[in-house]
Amino acid sequence: MRAVIPVLAISALLVMLAVVVASAQDTQACDPIEQSTEEVLPGIVLTWDSAFLCADAPDEGSYEFTVTVANSADSAEAISIDDLALTHTTPRPRGQAPGANGEATGLPLPLVPGETASFTVSGTYELVQTDEGKKANLHFRASGHGVSSSEPFELGINAHVRAPGVPLD
């Protein structure tokens, strides 16, 4: 009887491990392909990962990417990135938009001048069929403010999800 319990415990552990590994493989990784640098408020210059490519994606699933943001050492004040919203999806062939949702972890994200940090965006998507193949473009807005001035700003972030063989246009 004693030999049965460890075997059952090991079997249960292996099943849980298989579920965790399968779940990790189901999330579509997205790589940064573009950075933007902008004076978001007077005297405050930020550089951030502004576009991501999620290549070889299945028709639907989950995605995840990490946005790195740098506050210039010459910036006039510290900033805070407070929120992220998925504003819309494109393209809209025949009036049908890609399905998606998204949320951020790691916000609020305070950055003093000269500091670099990151937050993670994750969610689900569903591709639409276009003349070029199946794809979805997810358009986000990160909102924040200057810590001293309380002045608001926004950062644009896009994720381009593409089925196998569909190029970034």
Protein backbone atom coordinates (compact mmCIF):
# COMPACT_ATOMS: atom_id res chain seq x y z
CA MET A 1 0.00 0.00 0.00
CA ARG A 2 2.85 2.38 0.77
CA ALA A 3 4.30 2.13 -2.74
CA VAL A 4 0.96 3.14 -4.28
CA ILE A 5 0.74 6.50 -2.51
CA PRO A 6 4.12 7.84 -3.77
CA VAL A 7 3.31 6.65 -7.30
CA LEU A 8 -0.06 8.43 -7.18
CA ALA A 9 1.57 11.58 -5.79
CA ILE A 10 4.22 11.52 -8.52
CA SER A 11 1.55 10.95 -11.19
CA ALA A 12 -0.48 13.91 -9.91
CA LEU A 13 2.66 16.08 -9.88
CA LEU A 14 3.48 15.13 -13.49
CA VAL A 15 -0.07 15.98 -14.61
CA MET A 16 0.14 19.40 -12.92
CA LEU A 17 3.55 20.02 -14.50
CA ALA A 18 2.18 19.10 -17.95
CA VAL A 19 -0.68 21.57 -17.51
CA VAL A 20 1.73 24.37 -16.51
CA VAL A 21 4.05 23.66 -19.46
CA ALA A 22 1.13 23.48 -21.91
CA SER A 23 -0.28 26.76 -20.58
CA ALA A 24 3.10 28.49 -21.00
CA GLN A 25 3.35 27.24 -24.57
CA ASP A 26 -0.17 28.47 -25.37
CA THR A 27 0.76 32.11 -24.71
CA GLN A 28 1.94 33.89 -27.85
CA ALA A 29 5.23 35.70 -27.23
CA CYS A 30 5.51 39.14 -28.84
CA ASP A 31 8.85 40.75 -29.62
CA PRO A 32 9.51 44.51 -29.68
CA ILE A 33 10.06 45.78 -33.25
CA GLU A 34 9.95 49.55 -32.74
CA GLN A 35 10.77 52.17 -30.12
CA SER A 36 9.44 55.70 -29.88
CA THR A 37 11.09 58.72 -28.26
CA GLU A 38 8.91 61.72 -27.53
CA GLU A 39 8.75 64.80 -25.35
CA VAL A 40 5.51 63.78 -23.62
CA LEU A 41 5.37 66.90 -21.44
CA PRO A 42 7.52 70.05 -21.50
CA GLY A 43 11.01 68.96 -20.45
CA ILE A 44 10.10 65.26 -20.11
CA VAL A 45 11.43 62.86 -22.77
CA LEU A 46 10.46 59.20 -22.68
CA THR A 47 11.62 56.28 -24.84
CA TRP A 48 9.42 53.17 -24.93
CA ASP A 49 8.82 49.97 -26.85
CA SER A 50 5.91 51.10 -29.02
CA ALA A 51 5.34 48.19 -31.45
CA PHE A 52 5.45 44.42 -31.02
CA LEU A 53 5.22 41.51 -33.47
CA CYS A 54 3.47 38.32 -32.41
CA ALA A 55 4.50 36.07 -35.32
CA ASP A 56 3.21 32.62 -36.25
CA ALA A 57 0.14 32.99 -34.03
CA PRO A 58 -2.74 30.49 -34.06
CA ASP A 59 -6.19 31.79 -35.03
CA GLU A 60 -6.96 32.61 -31.41
CA GLY A 61 -5.17 32.45 -28.09
CA SER A 62 -3.40 34.51 -25.50
CA TYR A 63 -0.48 36.90 -25.89
CA GLU A 64 2.05 38.63 -23.66
CA PHE A 65 4.70 41.31 -24.10
CA THR A 66 6.85 43.53 -21.90
CA VAL A 67 7.02 47.29 -22.50
CA THR A 68 10.29 48.92 -21.44
CA VAL A 69 10.12 52.66 -20.70
CA ALA A 70 13.05 55.01 -20.08
CA ASN A 71 12.79 58.51 -18.61
CA SER A 72 15.66 60.58 -20.02
CA ALA A 73 18.36 61.62 -17.54
CA ASP A 74 17.74 65.19 -18.75
CA SER A 75 13.99 65.07 -17.99
CA ALA A 76 12.61 67.84 -15.80
CA GLU A 77 10.71 65.55 -13.43
CA ALA A 78 9.71 62.03 -12.48
CA ILE A 79 6.69 60.48 -14.18
CA SER A 80 4.22 57.74 -13.38
CA ILE A 81 2.55 55.46 -15.91
CA ASP A 82 -0.77 54.69 -14.27
CA ASP A 83 -3.01 52.73 -16.62
CA LEU A 84 -3.28 50.90 -19.93
CA ALA A 85 -6.33 50.59 -22.16
CA LEU A 86 -6.94 48.60 -25.34
CA THR A 87 -8.54 51.36 -27.43
CA HIS A 88 -9.42 49.42 -30.60
CA THR A 89 -8.45 46.63 -33.00
CA THR A 90 -7.82 46.63 -36.75
CA PRO A 91 -8.13 45.67 -39.59
CA ARG A 92 -11.88 45.47 -40.12
CA PRO A 93 -12.42 43.47 -43.30
CA ARG A 94 -16.08 43.24 -44.23
CA GLY A 95 -16.89 45.13 -41.02
CA GLN A 96 -15.50 42.41 -38.76
CA ALA A 97 -12.86 43.55 -36.25
CA PRO A 98 -10.43 41.16 -34.56
CA GLY A 99 -11.45 40.20 -31.04
CA ALA A 100 -9.10 41.07 -28.19
CA ASN A 101 -8.76 42.10 -24.59
CA GLY A 102 -5.76 43.19 -22.59
CA GLU A 103 -4.52 44.31 -19.23
CA ALA A 104 -1.28 45.44 -17.68
CA THR A 105 0.61 44.22 -14.64
CA GLY A 106 3.30 46.29 -13.01
CA LEU A 107 1.36 49.58 -13.01
CA PRO A 108 1.57 52.17 -11.67
CA LEU A 109 5.17 52.49 -12.85
CA PRO A 110 7.08 55.46 -11.41
CA LEU A 111 10.26 56.58 -13.21
CA VAL A 112 12.66 59.25 -12.01
CA PRO A 113 14.90 60.98 -14.59
CA GLY A 114 17.52 58.51 -15.83
CA GLU A 115 15.53 55.42 -14.79
CA THR A 116 14.34 52.53 -16.99
CA ALA A 117 11.66 50.03 -15.98
CA SER A 118 8.98 47.85 -17.56
CA PHE A 119 5.42 46.57 -17.29
CA THR A 120 3.73 43.54 -18.87
CA VAL A 121 0.69 43.48 -21.15
CA SER A 122 -1.31 40.29 -21.60
CA GLY A 123 -4.68 39.18 -22.87
CA THR A 124 -6.45 37.19 -25.53
CA TYR A 125 -6.95 37.73 -29.26
CA GLU A 126 -8.83 36.32 -32.23
CA LEU A 127 -7.51 36.91 -35.78
CA VAL A 128 -9.63 38.03 -38.73
CA GLN A 129 -9.23 36.88 -42.33
CA THR A 130 -7.95 39.62 -44.66
CA ASP A 131 -6.77 39.57 -48.28
CA GLU A 132 -3.19 39.21 -46.92
CA GLY A 133 -4.04 36.42 -44.46
CA LYS A 134 -5.18 36.17 -40.85
CA LYS A 135 -4.09 38.97 -38.51
CA ALA A 136 -5.00 41.40 -35.76
CA ASN A 137 -3.58 44.76 -34.73
CA LEU A 138 -4.14 45.67 -31.09
CA HIS A 139 -3.92 49.40 -30.30
CA PHE A 140 -3.21 50.45 -26.70
CA ARG A 141 -2.86 53.74 -24.84
CA ALA A 142 -0.78 53.93 -21.68
CA SER A 143 -1.71 56.97 -19.60
CA GLY A 144 0.40 58.68 -17.01
CA HIS A 145 1.31 61.98 -15.43
CA GLY A 146 4.22 64.11 -14.33
CA VAL A 147 4.75 63.53 -10.61
CA SER A 148 5.39 67.21 -9.71
CA SER A 149 3.18 68.88 -12.33
CA SER A 150 0.32 66.31 -12.34
CA GLU A 151 0.06 66.98 -16.10
CA PRO A 152 -1.31 63.97 -18.03
CA PHE A 153 0.29 62.27 -21.04
CA GLU A 154 -0.32 59.18 -23.20
CA LEU A 155 1.93 56.64 -24.93
CA GLY A 156 0.79 54.66 -27.99
CA ILE A 157 1.60 50.94 -28.09
CA ASN A 158 0.66 48.47 -30.84
CA ALA A 159 0.81 44.68 -31.05
CA HIS A 160 0.71 43.10 -34.54
CA VAL A 161 -0.52 39.50 -34.28
CA ARG A 162 0.11 37.46 -37.45
CA ALA A 163 -0.78 33.92 -38.51
CA PRO A 164 2.07 31.76 -39.88
CA GLY A 165 3.37 33.15 -43.18
CA VAL A 166 1.53 36.50 -42.91
CA PRO A 167 4.03 39.38 -43.10
CA LEU A 168 3.93 42.61 -41.16
CA ASP A 169 2.60 45.20 -43.59
